[in-house]
Amino acid sequence: MTLQFLNIPPPYTDRDRARVVVIPVPFDSTTTYKAGARDGPASIISASPHMEFYDEETDSEIYEWGIHTIDPVEPVLPPEEMVARVRDVAEEIIAAGKLPVTLGGDHSVSIGAIEAAHRLNGPLNIVHFDAHTDLRDSYQGSLYSHACVMRRVWSLGTVMQVGIRSLSKEEKDFLTEQQSRPIWARDLLADRNRCVDRLLRGLKDLPTYVTIDLDCLDPSIMPAVGTPEPGGLAWADITAFLKALARTTRIVGFDVVELSPIPGYHAADFTAARLVYKFLSYILWAEGLRGGRPGLDEKDLYAR
């Protein structure tokens, strides 16, 4: 039996009733420095039951909306075949009216999830949190490397990048050609509120997909990634962005990728799980304010 995110009981895990479906994707064949992201989804899910389920900011327990975790998506090669496999799974979930949450795995798994959101929703705001731009056209002979993710989805909407502090000359030239300027980590650290406002002003009247590479966070709080870069976001930084996005735009999916667990060091696993639940709290709280489906009644817990 698949371990459920939060390890909550039925009916909160019933797939037909759940608002959220978690998609574990234990794939990291394109990792280029420190391997291990294939263990990220299981570590996030294993850490998740140890959190408090009440969120003090939103005064909510959003697990009541229902969160179902599917069986891990079986890895396959080449990477483009894995992209297709994730896309098919995510597309089925979105078509059923669910919110997909993809857990990687290396960042290449996001391509299929974003493509699925685009197929079902049309052009997107694609908000990308990362230390790196991931805009190489190809890397180490692959068009579907984790270093090429945003290049593959660039045409699917409006891409906005947050927390960037490492890129190649090729990627800088591409950004110049596209007249696109990331929200650099150095700017964010100088004035977070101004950067949040800039991101919100850049949103189009489109549904929004959010992709979170955990190396956007500073290694002091997230050392368990394949390519840690100093000078990253703090917890208060990323949650400020996520809360603003949830209140401002309709989120149609998100992913959290690139956790490469460190044996014996559980803080990173817990932080990643907490980030997933925090963003879900913001999203579903905002949906509730807009008149979305309410949470399940407590009596449903004992209905079966």
C-alpha atoms as a PDB file:
ATOM      1  CA  MET A   1       0.000   0.000   0.000  1.00  0.00           C
ATOM      2  CA  THR A   2       1.283   3.449  -0.938  1.00  0.00           C
ATOM      3  CA  LEU A   3       2.188   5.648   2.033  1.00  0.00           C
ATOM      4  CA  GLN A   4      -0.127   8.646   1.944  1.00  0.00           C
ATOM      5  CA  PHE A   5       1.089  12.228   2.330  1.00  0.00           C
ATOM      6  CA  LEU A   6       0.349  13.126   5.981  1.00  0.00           C
ATOM      7  CA  ASN A   7      -0.663   9.472   6.581  1.00  0.00           C
ATOM      8  CA  ILE A   8      -4.251  10.630   7.061  1.00  0.00           C
ATOM      9  CA  PRO A   9      -7.105   8.083   7.125  1.00  0.00           C
ATOM     10  CA  PRO A  10     -10.054   7.637   4.757  1.00  0.00           C
ATOM     11  CA  PRO A  11     -12.175   9.426   3.662  1.00  0.00           C
ATOM     12  CA  TYR A  12      -9.552  12.169   3.434  1.00  0.00           C
ATOM     13  CA  THR A  13      -7.410   9.984   1.175  1.00  0.00           C
ATOM     14  CA  ASP A  14     -10.203   8.763  -1.102  1.00  0.00           C
ATOM     15  CA  ARG A  15      -9.102   9.642  -4.626  1.00  0.00           C
ATOM     16  CA  ASP A  16     -12.599  10.359  -5.939  1.00  0.00           C
ATOM     17  CA  ARG A  17     -13.294  12.884  -3.173  1.00  0.00           C
ATOM     18  CA  ALA A  18      -9.852  14.422  -2.721  1.00  0.00           C
ATOM     19  CA  ARG A  19      -9.208  17.938  -3.996  1.00  0.00           C
ATOM     20  CA  VAL A  20      -5.449  17.281  -4.114  1.00  0.00           C
ATOM     21  CA  VAL A  21      -3.547  14.397  -5.692  1.00  0.00           C
ATOM     22  CA  VAL A  22       0.147  13.954  -4.881  1.00  0.00           C
ATOM     23  CA  ILE A  23       2.285  12.445  -7.671  1.00  0.00           C
ATOM     24  CA  PRO A  24       5.618  10.980  -6.483  1.00  0.00           C
ATOM     25  CA  VAL A  25       8.185  10.767  -9.299  1.00  0.00           C
ATOM     26  CA  PRO A  26      11.421   9.082  -8.063  1.00  0.00           C
ATOM     27  CA  PHE A  27      13.506   9.905 -11.144  1.00  0.00           C
ATOM     28  CA  ASP A  28      16.948  11.512 -11.270  1.00  0.00           C
ATOM     29  CA  SER A  29      18.749  10.199 -14.329  1.00  0.00           C
ATOM     30  CA  THR A  30      19.668  13.730 -15.497  1.00  0.00           C
ATOM     31  CA  THR A  31      21.283  14.807 -12.219  1.00  0.00           C
ATOM     32  CA  THR A  32      24.762  16.183 -12.896  1.00  0.00           C
ATOM     33  CA  TYR A  33      26.450  16.736  -9.525  1.00  0.00           C
ATOM     34  CA  LYS A  34      25.059  14.999  -6.448  1.00  0.00           C
ATOM     35  CA  ALA A  35      22.649  12.170  -7.236  1.00  0.00           C
ATOM     36  CA  GLY A  36      19.912  11.063  -4.850  1.00  0.00           C
ATOM     37  CA  ALA A  37      16.844  13.078  -5.874  1.00  0.00           C
ATOM     38  CA  ARG A  38      15.108   9.803  -6.706  1.00  0.00           C
ATOM     39  CA  ASP A  39      14.747   9.377  -2.926  1.00  0.00           C
ATOM     40  CA  GLY A  40      13.215  12.819  -2.485  1.00  0.00           C
ATOM     41  CA  PRO A  41       9.511  11.974  -2.907  1.00  0.00           C
ATOM     42  CA  ALA A  42       9.589   9.106  -0.406  1.00  0.00           C
ATOM     43  CA  SER A  43      11.501  11.234   2.127  1.00  0.00           C
ATOM     44  CA  ILE A  44       9.008  14.102   1.829  1.00  0.00           C
ATOM     45  CA  ILE A  45       6.048  11.779   2.255  1.00  0.00           C
ATOM     46  CA  SER A  46       7.694   9.945   5.171  1.00  0.00           C
ATOM     47  CA  ALA A  47       8.379  13.240   6.969  1.00  0.00           C
ATOM     48  CA  SER A  48       4.906  14.669   6.374  1.00  0.00           C
ATOM     49  CA  PRO A  49       2.951  12.857   9.153  1.00  0.00           C
ATOM     50  CA  HIS A  50       5.183  14.456  11.780  1.00  0.00           C
ATOM     51  CA  MET A  51       3.961  17.985  11.040  1.00  0.00           C
ATOM     52  CA  GLU A  52       1.109  19.731  12.797  1.00  0.00           C
ATOM     53  CA  PHE A  53      -1.826  19.750  10.379  1.00  0.00           C
ATOM     54  CA  TYR A  54      -3.198  23.055  11.673  1.00  0.00           C
ATOM     55  CA  ASP A  55      -1.867  26.122   9.859  1.00  0.00           C
ATOM     56  CA  GLU A  56      -1.819  29.207  12.053  1.00  0.00           C
ATOM     57  CA  GLU A  57      -1.624  31.742   9.209  1.00  0.00           C
ATOM     58  CA  THR A  58      -4.766  30.558   7.460  1.00  0.00           C
ATOM     59  CA  ASP A  59      -6.491  29.180  10.581  1.00  0.00           C
ATOM     60  CA  SER A  60      -7.174  25.989   8.651  1.00  0.00           C
ATOM     61  CA  GLU A  61      -6.604  22.251   8.497  1.00  0.00           C
ATOM     62  CA  ILE A  62      -6.638  21.797   4.755  1.00  0.00           C
ATOM     63  CA  TYR A  63      -6.218  18.027   4.811  1.00  0.00           C
ATOM     64  CA  GLU A  64     -10.010  18.083   5.221  1.00  0.00           C
ATOM     65  CA  TRP A  65     -10.258  18.957   1.536  1.00  0.00           C
ATOM     66  CA  GLY A  66      -8.831  15.517   0.838  1.00  0.00           C
ATOM     67  CA  ILE A  67      -5.280  14.606  -0.225  1.00  0.00           C
ATOM     68  CA  HIS A  68      -4.669  11.388  -2.123  1.00  0.00           C
ATOM     69  CA  THR A  69      -1.177  10.076  -2.919  1.00  0.00           C
ATOM     70  CA  ILE A  70      -0.894   7.827  -5.971  1.00  0.00           C
ATOM     71  CA  ASP A  71       1.665   5.069  -6.495  1.00  0.00           C
ATOM     72  CA  PRO A  72       5.061   6.442  -7.570  1.00  0.00           C
ATOM     73  CA  VAL A  73       5.419   6.973 -11.302  1.00  0.00           C
ATOM     74  CA  GLU A  74       7.766   4.219 -12.435  1.00  0.00           C
ATOM     75  CA  PRO A  75      11.047   5.604 -13.855  1.00  0.00           C
ATOM     76  CA  VAL A  76      11.789   4.952 -17.507  1.00  0.00           C
ATOM     77  CA  LEU A  77      14.457   6.014 -19.997  1.00  0.00           C
ATOM     78  CA  PRO A  78      15.144   8.003 -22.088  1.00  0.00           C
ATOM     79  CA  PRO A  79      14.175  11.204 -20.206  1.00  0.00           C
ATOM     80  CA  GLU A  80      11.701  12.283 -22.899  1.00  0.00           C
ATOM     81  CA  GLU A  81       9.782   9.058 -22.298  1.00  0.00           C
ATOM     82  CA  MET A  82       9.673   9.907 -18.599  1.00  0.00           C
ATOM     83  CA  VAL A  83       8.337  13.363 -19.490  1.00  0.00           C
ATOM     84  CA  ALA A  84       5.525  11.726 -21.462  1.00  0.00           C
ATOM     85  CA  ARG A  85       4.723   9.345 -18.622  1.00  0.00           C
ATOM     86  CA  VAL A  86       4.435  12.163 -16.069  1.00  0.00           C
ATOM     87  CA  ARG A  87       2.382  14.223 -18.521  1.00  0.00           C
ATOM     88  CA  ASP A  88      -0.138  11.418 -19.011  1.00  0.00           C
ATOM     89  CA  VAL A  89      -0.543  10.853 -15.277  1.00  0.00           C
ATOM     90  CA  ALA A  90      -0.894  14.571 -14.478  1.00  0.00           C
ATOM     91  CA  GLU A  91      -3.300  15.148 -17.355  1.00  0.00           C
ATOM     92  CA  GLU A  92      -5.665  12.475 -16.052  1.00  0.00           C
ATOM     93  CA  ILE A  93      -5.609  14.054 -12.599  1.00  0.00           C
ATOM     94  CA  ILE A  94      -6.260  17.583 -13.873  1.00  0.00           C
ATOM     95  CA  ALA A  95      -9.063  16.365 -16.137  1.00  0.00           C
ATOM     96  CA  ALA A  96     -10.747  14.903 -13.049  1.00  0.00           C
ATOM     97  CA  GLY A  97     -10.815  18.360 -11.450  1.00  0.00           C
ATOM     98  CA  LYS A  98      -7.998  17.719  -8.988  1.00  0.00           C
ATOM     99  CA  LEU A  99      -5.016  19.853  -8.021  1.00  0.00           C
ATOM    100  CA  PRO A 100      -1.827  17.936  -8.942  1.00  0.00           C
ATOM    101  CA  VAL A 101       1.212  18.192  -6.674  1.00  0.00           C
ATOM    102  CA  THR A 102       4.261  16.557  -8.254  1.00  0.00           C
ATOM    103  CA  LEU A 103       7.155  15.533  -6.027  1.00  0.00           C
ATOM    104  CA  GLY A 104      10.542  14.970  -7.676  1.00  0.00           C
ATOM    105  CA  GLY A 105      12.933  13.604  -8.485  1.00  0.00           C
ATOM    106  CA  ASP A 106      15.143  15.871 -10.547  1.00  0.00           C
ATOM    107  CA  HIS A 107      13.696  18.958 -12.162  1.00  0.00           C
ATOM    108  CA  SER A 108      13.120  17.284 -15.521  1.00  0.00           C
ATOM    109  CA  VAL A 109       9.958  15.682 -14.088  1.00  0.00           C
ATOM    110  CA  SER A 110       8.368  19.145 -14.067  1.00  0.00           C
ATOM    111  CA  ILE A 111       8.268  19.307 -17.866  1.00  0.00           C
ATOM    112  CA  GLY A 112       5.531  16.701 -18.164  1.00  0.00           C
ATOM    113  CA  ALA A 113       3.522  18.185 -15.298  1.00  0.00           C
ATOM    114  CA  ILE A 114       3.646  21.663 -16.838  1.00  0.00           C
ATOM    115  CA  GLU A 115       2.749  20.307 -20.276  1.00  0.00           C
ATOM    116  CA  ALA A 116      -0.294  18.580 -18.781  1.00  0.00           C
ATOM    117  CA  ALA A 117      -1.429  21.807 -17.112  1.00  0.00           C
ATOM    118  CA  HIS A 118      -1.018  23.616 -20.431  1.00  0.00           C
ATOM    119  CA  ARG A 119      -2.999  20.999 -22.373  1.00  0.00           C
ATOM    120  CA  LEU A 120      -5.954  21.272 -20.002  1.00  0.00           C
ATOM    121  CA  ASN A 121      -5.819  25.009 -19.228  1.00  0.00           C
ATOM    122  CA  GLY A 122      -4.144  26.698 -22.197  1.00  0.00           C
ATOM    123  CA  PRO A 123      -1.383  29.316 -21.780  1.00  0.00           C
ATOM    124  CA  LEU A 124      -0.052  29.629 -18.241  1.00  0.00           C
ATOM    125  CA  ASN A 125       1.780  31.877 -15.879  1.00  0.00           C
ATOM    126  CA  ILE A 126       4.757  29.641 -15.053  1.00  0.00           C
ATOM    127  CA  VAL A 127       6.428  30.801 -11.844  1.00  0.00           C
ATOM    128  CA  HIS A 128       9.822  29.190 -11.368  1.00  0.00           C
ATOM    129  CA  PHE A 129      11.693  29.241  -8.037  1.00  0.00           C
ATOM    130  CA  ASP A 130      15.296  28.116  -8.487  1.00  0.00           C
ATOM    131  CA  ALA A 131      18.932  29.010  -7.975  1.00  0.00           C
ATOM    132  CA  HIS A 132      19.468  28.313 -11.697  1.00  0.00           C
ATOM    133  CA  THR A 133      17.628  29.448 -14.814  1.00  0.00           C
ATOM    134  CA  ASP A 134      17.504  25.922 -16.347  1.00  0.00           C
ATOM    135  CA  LEU A 135      17.436  27.514 -19.810  1.00  0.00           C
ATOM    136  CA  ARG A 136      20.087  25.565 -21.694  1.00  0.00           C
ATOM    137  CA  ASP A 137      18.809  24.277 -25.010  1.00  0.00           C
ATOM    138  CA  SER A 138      20.561  20.977 -24.335  1.00  0.00           C
ATOM    139  CA  TYR A 139      22.933  19.687 -21.688  1.00  0.00           C
ATOM    140  CA  GLN A 140      25.225  16.685 -21.805  1.00  0.00           C
ATOM    141  CA  GLY A 141      23.533  15.582 -25.004  1.00  0.00           C
ATOM    142  CA  SER A 142      19.959  15.771 -23.730  1.00  0.00           C
ATOM    143  CA  LEU A 143      17.173  18.237 -24.496  1.00  0.00           C
ATOM    144  CA  TYR A 144      15.400  16.987 -21.376  1.00  0.00           C
ATOM    145  CA  SER A 145      18.081  17.474 -18.746  1.00  0.00           C
ATOM    146  CA  HIS A 146      17.211  19.178 -15.476  1.00  0.00           C
ATOM    147  CA  ALA A 147      19.285  22.066 -16.873  1.00  0.00           C
ATOM    148  CA  CYS A 148      16.842  22.478 -19.807  1.00  0.00           C
ATOM    149  CA  VAL A 149      13.480  22.425 -18.030  1.00  0.00           C
ATOM    150  CA  MET A 150      12.425  26.030 -18.524  1.00  0.00           C
ATOM    151  CA  ARG A 151      13.670  26.112 -22.109  1.00  0.00           C
ATOM    152  CA  ARG A 152      11.317  23.205 -22.911  1.00  0.00           C
ATOM    153  CA  VAL A 153       8.268  24.956 -21.422  1.00  0.00           C
ATOM    154  CA  TRP A 154       9.125  28.552 -22.320  1.00  0.00           C
ATOM    155  CA  SER A 155       6.552  28.689 -25.128  1.00  0.00           C
ATOM    156  CA  LEU A 156       3.694  27.465 -22.920  1.00  0.00           C
ATOM    157  CA  GLY A 157       2.980  30.838 -21.354  1.00  0.00           C
ATOM    158  CA  THR A 158       4.677  33.608 -19.425  1.00  0.00           C
ATOM    159  CA  VAL A 159       7.693  32.459 -17.431  1.00  0.00           C
ATOM    160  CA  MET A 160       8.771  34.353 -14.308  1.00  0.00           C
ATOM    161  CA  GLN A 161      11.869  33.223 -12.414  1.00  0.00           C
ATOM    162  CA  VAL A 162      12.625  33.893  -8.752  1.00  0.00           C
ATOM    163  CA  GLY A 163      15.777  33.397  -6.687  1.00  0.00           C
ATOM    164  CA  ILE A 164      18.212  33.039  -9.585  1.00  0.00           C
ATOM    165  CA  ARG A 165      21.904  33.346  -8.752  1.00  0.00           C
ATOM    166  CA  SER A 166      23.682  30.999 -11.177  1.00  0.00           C
ATOM    167  CA  LEU A 167      23.511  30.738 -14.981  1.00  0.00           C
ATOM    168  CA  SER A 168      25.619  30.203 -18.071  1.00  0.00           C
ATOM    169  CA  LYS A 169      26.470  32.768 -20.742  1.00  0.00           C
ATOM    170  CA  GLU A 170      24.197  30.871 -23.130  1.00  0.00           C
ATOM    171  CA  GLU A 171      21.308  31.291 -20.721  1.00  0.00           C
ATOM    172  CA  LYS A 172      22.052  34.966 -20.141  1.00  0.00           C
ATOM    173  CA  ASP A 173      22.015  35.520 -23.917  1.00  0.00           C
ATOM    174  CA  PHE A 174      18.665  33.733 -24.195  1.00  0.00           C
ATOM    175  CA  LEU A 175      17.157  35.917 -21.464  1.00  0.00           C
ATOM    176  CA  THR A 176      18.427  39.025 -23.255  1.00  0.00           C
ATOM    177  CA  GLU A 177      16.887  37.861 -26.538  1.00  0.00           C
ATOM    178  CA  GLN A 178      13.574  37.198 -24.777  1.00  0.00           C
ATOM    179  CA  GLN A 179      13.719  40.527 -22.928  1.00  0.00           C
ATOM    180  CA  SER A 180      13.181  38.635 -19.706  1.00  0.00           C
ATOM    181  CA  ARG A 181      14.759  39.574 -16.383  1.00  0.00           C
ATOM    182  CA  PRO A 182      14.613  37.162 -13.447  1.00  0.00           C
ATOM    183  CA  ILE A 183      14.052  38.268  -9.899  1.00  0.00           C
ATOM    184  CA  TRP A 184      17.647  37.764  -8.832  1.00  0.00           C
ATOM    185  CA  ALA A 185      18.315  36.431  -5.363  1.00  0.00           C
ATOM    186  CA  ARG A 186      20.415  39.509  -4.573  1.00  0.00           C
ATOM    187  CA  ASP A 187      17.467  41.814  -5.352  1.00  0.00           C
ATOM    188  CA  LEU A 188      15.118  39.726  -3.257  1.00  0.00           C
ATOM    189  CA  LEU A 189      17.455  39.770  -0.290  1.00  0.00           C
ATOM    190  CA  ALA A 190      17.718  43.552  -0.586  1.00  0.00           C
ATOM    191  CA  ASP A 191      13.945  44.220  -0.776  1.00  0.00           C
ATOM    192  CA  ARG A 192      11.602  41.253  -0.584  1.00  0.00           C
ATOM    193  CA  ASN A 193       8.349  43.230  -0.675  1.00  0.00           C
ATOM    194  CA  ARG A 194       9.344  45.083  -3.820  1.00  0.00           C
ATOM    195  CA  CYS A 195      10.191  41.779  -5.515  1.00  0.00           C
ATOM    196  CA  VAL A 196       6.870  40.209  -4.502  1.00  0.00           C
ATOM    197  CA  ASP A 197       5.065  43.210  -5.988  1.00  0.00           C
ATOM    198  CA  ARG A 198       7.107  42.900  -9.165  1.00  0.00           C
ATOM    199  CA  LEU A 199       6.167  39.239  -9.532  1.00  0.00           C
ATOM    200  CA  LEU A 200       2.464  39.972  -9.063  1.00  0.00           C
ATOM    201  CA  ARG A 201       2.583  42.793 -11.600  1.00  0.00           C
ATOM    202  CA  GLY A 202       4.086  40.391 -14.119  1.00  0.00           C
ATOM    203  CA  LEU A 203       1.222  37.906 -13.877  1.00  0.00           C
ATOM    204  CA  LYS A 204      -1.103  37.710 -16.854  1.00  0.00           C
ATOM    205  CA  ASP A 205      -4.809  36.952 -16.597  1.00  0.00           C
ATOM    206  CA  LEU A 206      -4.000  33.261 -16.889  1.00  0.00           C
ATOM    207  CA  PRO A 207      -4.005  30.194 -14.653  1.00  0.00           C
ATOM    208  CA  THR A 208      -0.714  29.688 -12.849  1.00  0.00           C
ATOM    209  CA  TYR A 209       1.632  26.742 -12.450  1.00  0.00           C
ATOM    210  CA  VAL A 210       4.417  26.958  -9.829  1.00  0.00           C
ATOM    211  CA  THR A 211       7.603  24.906 -10.007  1.00  0.00           C
ATOM    212  CA  ILE A 212       9.880  24.895  -6.952  1.00  0.00           C
ATOM    213  CA  ASP A 213      13.433  23.599  -7.175  1.00  0.00           C
ATOM    214  CA  LEU A 214      14.481  23.373  -3.539  1.00  0.00           C
ATOM    215  CA  ASP A 215      17.910  24.798  -4.319  1.00  0.00           C
ATOM    216  CA  CYS A 216      16.164  28.176  -4.526  1.00  0.00           C
ATOM    217  CA  LEU A 217      16.487  28.054  -0.736  1.00  0.00           C
ATOM    218  CA  ASP A 218      19.752  28.930   0.940  1.00  0.00           C
ATOM    219  CA  PRO A 219      21.924  25.897   1.815  1.00  0.00           C
ATOM    220  CA  SER A 220      21.774  26.968   5.455  1.00  0.00           C
ATOM    221  CA  ILE A 221      18.167  25.708   5.539  1.00  0.00           C
ATOM    222  CA  MET A 222      18.225  23.354   2.529  1.00  0.00           C
ATOM    223  CA  PRO A 223      21.606  21.661   2.101  1.00  0.00           C
ATOM    224  CA  ALA A 224      20.053  18.446   0.755  1.00  0.00           C
ATOM    225  CA  VAL A 225      19.991  19.330  -2.947  1.00  0.00           C
ATOM    226  CA  GLY A 226      22.107  18.244  -5.882  1.00  0.00           C
ATOM    227  CA  THR A 227      23.604  21.670  -6.601  1.00  0.00           C
ATOM    228  CA  PRO A 228      23.468  23.945  -3.525  1.00  0.00           C
ATOM    229  CA  GLU A 229      24.161  27.613  -4.227  1.00  0.00           C
ATOM    230  CA  PRO A 230      24.935  30.153  -1.485  1.00  0.00           C
ATOM    231  CA  GLY A 231      22.920  33.340  -1.207  1.00  0.00           C
ATOM    232  CA  GLY A 232      19.455  31.824  -1.463  1.00  0.00           C
ATOM    233  CA  LEU A 233      15.976  32.410  -0.096  1.00  0.00           C
ATOM    234  CA  ALA A 234      14.959  32.073   3.533  1.00  0.00           C
ATOM    235  CA  TRP A 235      11.719  30.429   4.666  1.00  0.00           C
ATOM    236  CA  ALA A 236      10.032  33.819   5.121  1.00  0.00           C
ATOM    237  CA  ASP A 237      11.027  34.805   1.579  1.00  0.00           C
ATOM    238  CA  ILE A 238       9.524  31.871  -0.273  1.00  0.00           C
ATOM    239  CA  THR A 239       6.369  31.760   1.835  1.00  0.00           C
ATOM    240  CA  ALA A 240       5.776  35.468   1.175  1.00  0.00           C
ATOM    241  CA  PHE A 241       5.832  34.773  -2.558  1.00  0.00           C
ATOM    242  CA  LEU A 242       3.654  31.673  -2.322  1.00  0.00           C
ATOM    243  CA  LYS A 243       1.038  33.345  -0.146  1.00  0.00           C
ATOM    244  CA  ALA A 244       0.842  36.305  -2.524  1.00  0.00           C
ATOM    245  CA  LEU A 245       0.471  33.995  -5.533  1.00  0.00           C
ATOM    246  CA  ALA A 246      -2.301  31.967  -3.912  1.00  0.00           C
ATOM    247  CA  ARG A 247      -4.244  35.116  -3.067  1.00  0.00           C
ATOM    248  CA  THR A 248      -3.781  36.688  -6.498  1.00  0.00           C
ATOM    249  CA  THR A 249      -4.059  33.971  -9.138  1.00  0.00           C
ATOM    250  CA  ARG A 250      -5.627  30.555  -9.728  1.00  0.00           C
ATOM    251  CA  ILE A 251      -3.042  27.848  -9.081  1.00  0.00           C
ATOM    252  CA  VAL A 252      -3.636  24.815 -11.327  1.00  0.00           C
ATOM    253  CA  GLY A 253      -0.667  22.745 -10.172  1.00  0.00           C
ATOM    254  CA  PHE A 254       2.730  22.869  -8.565  1.00  0.00           C
ATOM    255  CA  ASP A 255       5.774  20.744  -7.989  1.00  0.00           C
ATOM    256  CA  VAL A 256       8.572  20.516  -5.435  1.00  0.00           C
ATOM    257  CA  VAL A 257      11.713  18.867  -6.777  1.00  0.00           C
ATOM    258  CA  GLU A 258      15.420  18.166  -6.267  1.00  0.00           C
ATOM    259  CA  LEU A 259      15.430  17.052  -2.636  1.00  0.00           C
ATOM    260  CA  SER A 260      18.461  14.768  -2.344  1.00  0.00           C
ATOM    261  CA  PRO A 261      18.158  13.410   1.208  1.00  0.00           C
ATOM    262  CA  ILE A 262      21.205  13.335   3.469  1.00  0.00           C
ATOM    263  CA  PRO A 263      21.281  10.182   5.631  1.00  0.00           C
ATOM    264  CA  GLY A 264      20.689  11.041   9.265  1.00  0.00           C
ATOM    265  CA  TYR A 265      19.756  14.677   8.489  1.00  0.00           C
ATOM    266  CA  HIS A 266      15.984  14.969   8.677  1.00  0.00           C
ATOM    267  CA  ALA A 267      15.530  18.733   8.803  1.00  0.00           C
ATOM    268  CA  ALA A 268      15.640  19.085   5.012  1.00  0.00           C
ATOM    269  CA  ASP A 269      13.030  16.353   4.471  1.00  0.00           C
ATOM    270  CA  PHE A 270      10.756  17.973   7.038  1.00  0.00           C
ATOM    271  CA  THR A 271      11.277  21.439   5.558  1.00  0.00           C
ATOM    272  CA  ALA A 272      10.327  20.178   2.089  1.00  0.00           C
ATOM    273  CA  ALA A 273       7.194  18.485   3.438  1.00  0.00           C
ATOM    274  CA  ARG A 274       6.275  21.607   5.383  1.00  0.00           C
ATOM    275  CA  LEU A 275       6.679  23.713   2.246  1.00  0.00           C
ATOM    276  CA  VAL A 276       4.289  21.457   0.337  1.00  0.00           C
ATOM    277  CA  TYR A 277       1.667  21.653   3.082  1.00  0.00           C
ATOM    278  CA  LYS A 278       2.142  25.384   3.600  1.00  0.00           C
ATOM    279  CA  PHE A 279       1.560  26.111  -0.090  1.00  0.00           C
ATOM    280  CA  LEU A 280      -1.479  23.831  -0.097  1.00  0.00           C
ATOM    281  CA  SER A 281      -2.782  25.731   2.934  1.00  0.00           C
ATOM    282  CA  TYR A 282      -2.454  29.016   1.070  1.00  0.00           C
ATOM    283  CA  ILE A 283      -4.054  27.652  -2.114  1.00  0.00           C
ATOM    284  CA  LEU A 284      -7.046  25.946  -0.525  1.00  0.00           C
ATOM    285  CA  TRP A 285      -7.593  28.765   1.953  1.00  0.00           C
ATOM    286  CA  ALA A 286      -7.787  31.141  -1.021  1.00  0.00           C
ATOM    287  CA  GLU A 287     -10.115  28.774  -2.877  1.00  0.00           C
ATOM    288  CA  GLY A 288     -12.351  28.700   0.180  1.00  0.00           C
ATOM    289  CA  LEU A 289     -12.475  32.495   0.255  1.00  0.00           C
ATOM    290  CA  ARG A 290     -13.516  32.432  -3.416  1.00  0.00           C
ATOM    291  CA  GLY A 291     -16.333  30.048  -2.637  1.00  0.00           C
ATOM    292  CA  GLY A 292     -14.589  26.795  -3.475  1.00  0.00           C
ATOM    293  CA  ARG A 293     -15.585  23.398  -2.156  1.00  0.00           C
ATOM    294  CA  PRO A 294     -15.527  23.277   1.649  1.00  0.00           C
ATOM    295  CA  GLY A 295     -13.626  20.670   3.592  1.00  0.00           C
ATOM    296  CA  LEU A 296     -15.106  17.286   4.452  1.00  0.00           C
ATOM    297  CA  ASP A 297     -17.266  17.134   7.566  1.00  0.00           C
ATOM    298  CA  GLU A 298     -15.729  15.467  10.584  1.00  0.00           C
ATOM    299  CA  LYS A 299     -18.560  12.909  10.589  1.00  0.00           C
ATOM    300  CA  ASP A 300     -17.290  11.646   7.229  1.00  0.00           C
ATOM    301  CA  LEU A 301     -14.261  10.281   9.048  1.00  0.00           C
ATOM    302  CA  TYR A 302     -16.462   7.668  10.687  1.00  0.00           C
ATOM    303  CA  ALA A 303     -18.919   7.151   7.828  1.00  0.00           C
ATOM    304  CA  ARG A 304     -17.453   3.821   6.714  1.00  0.00           C
END
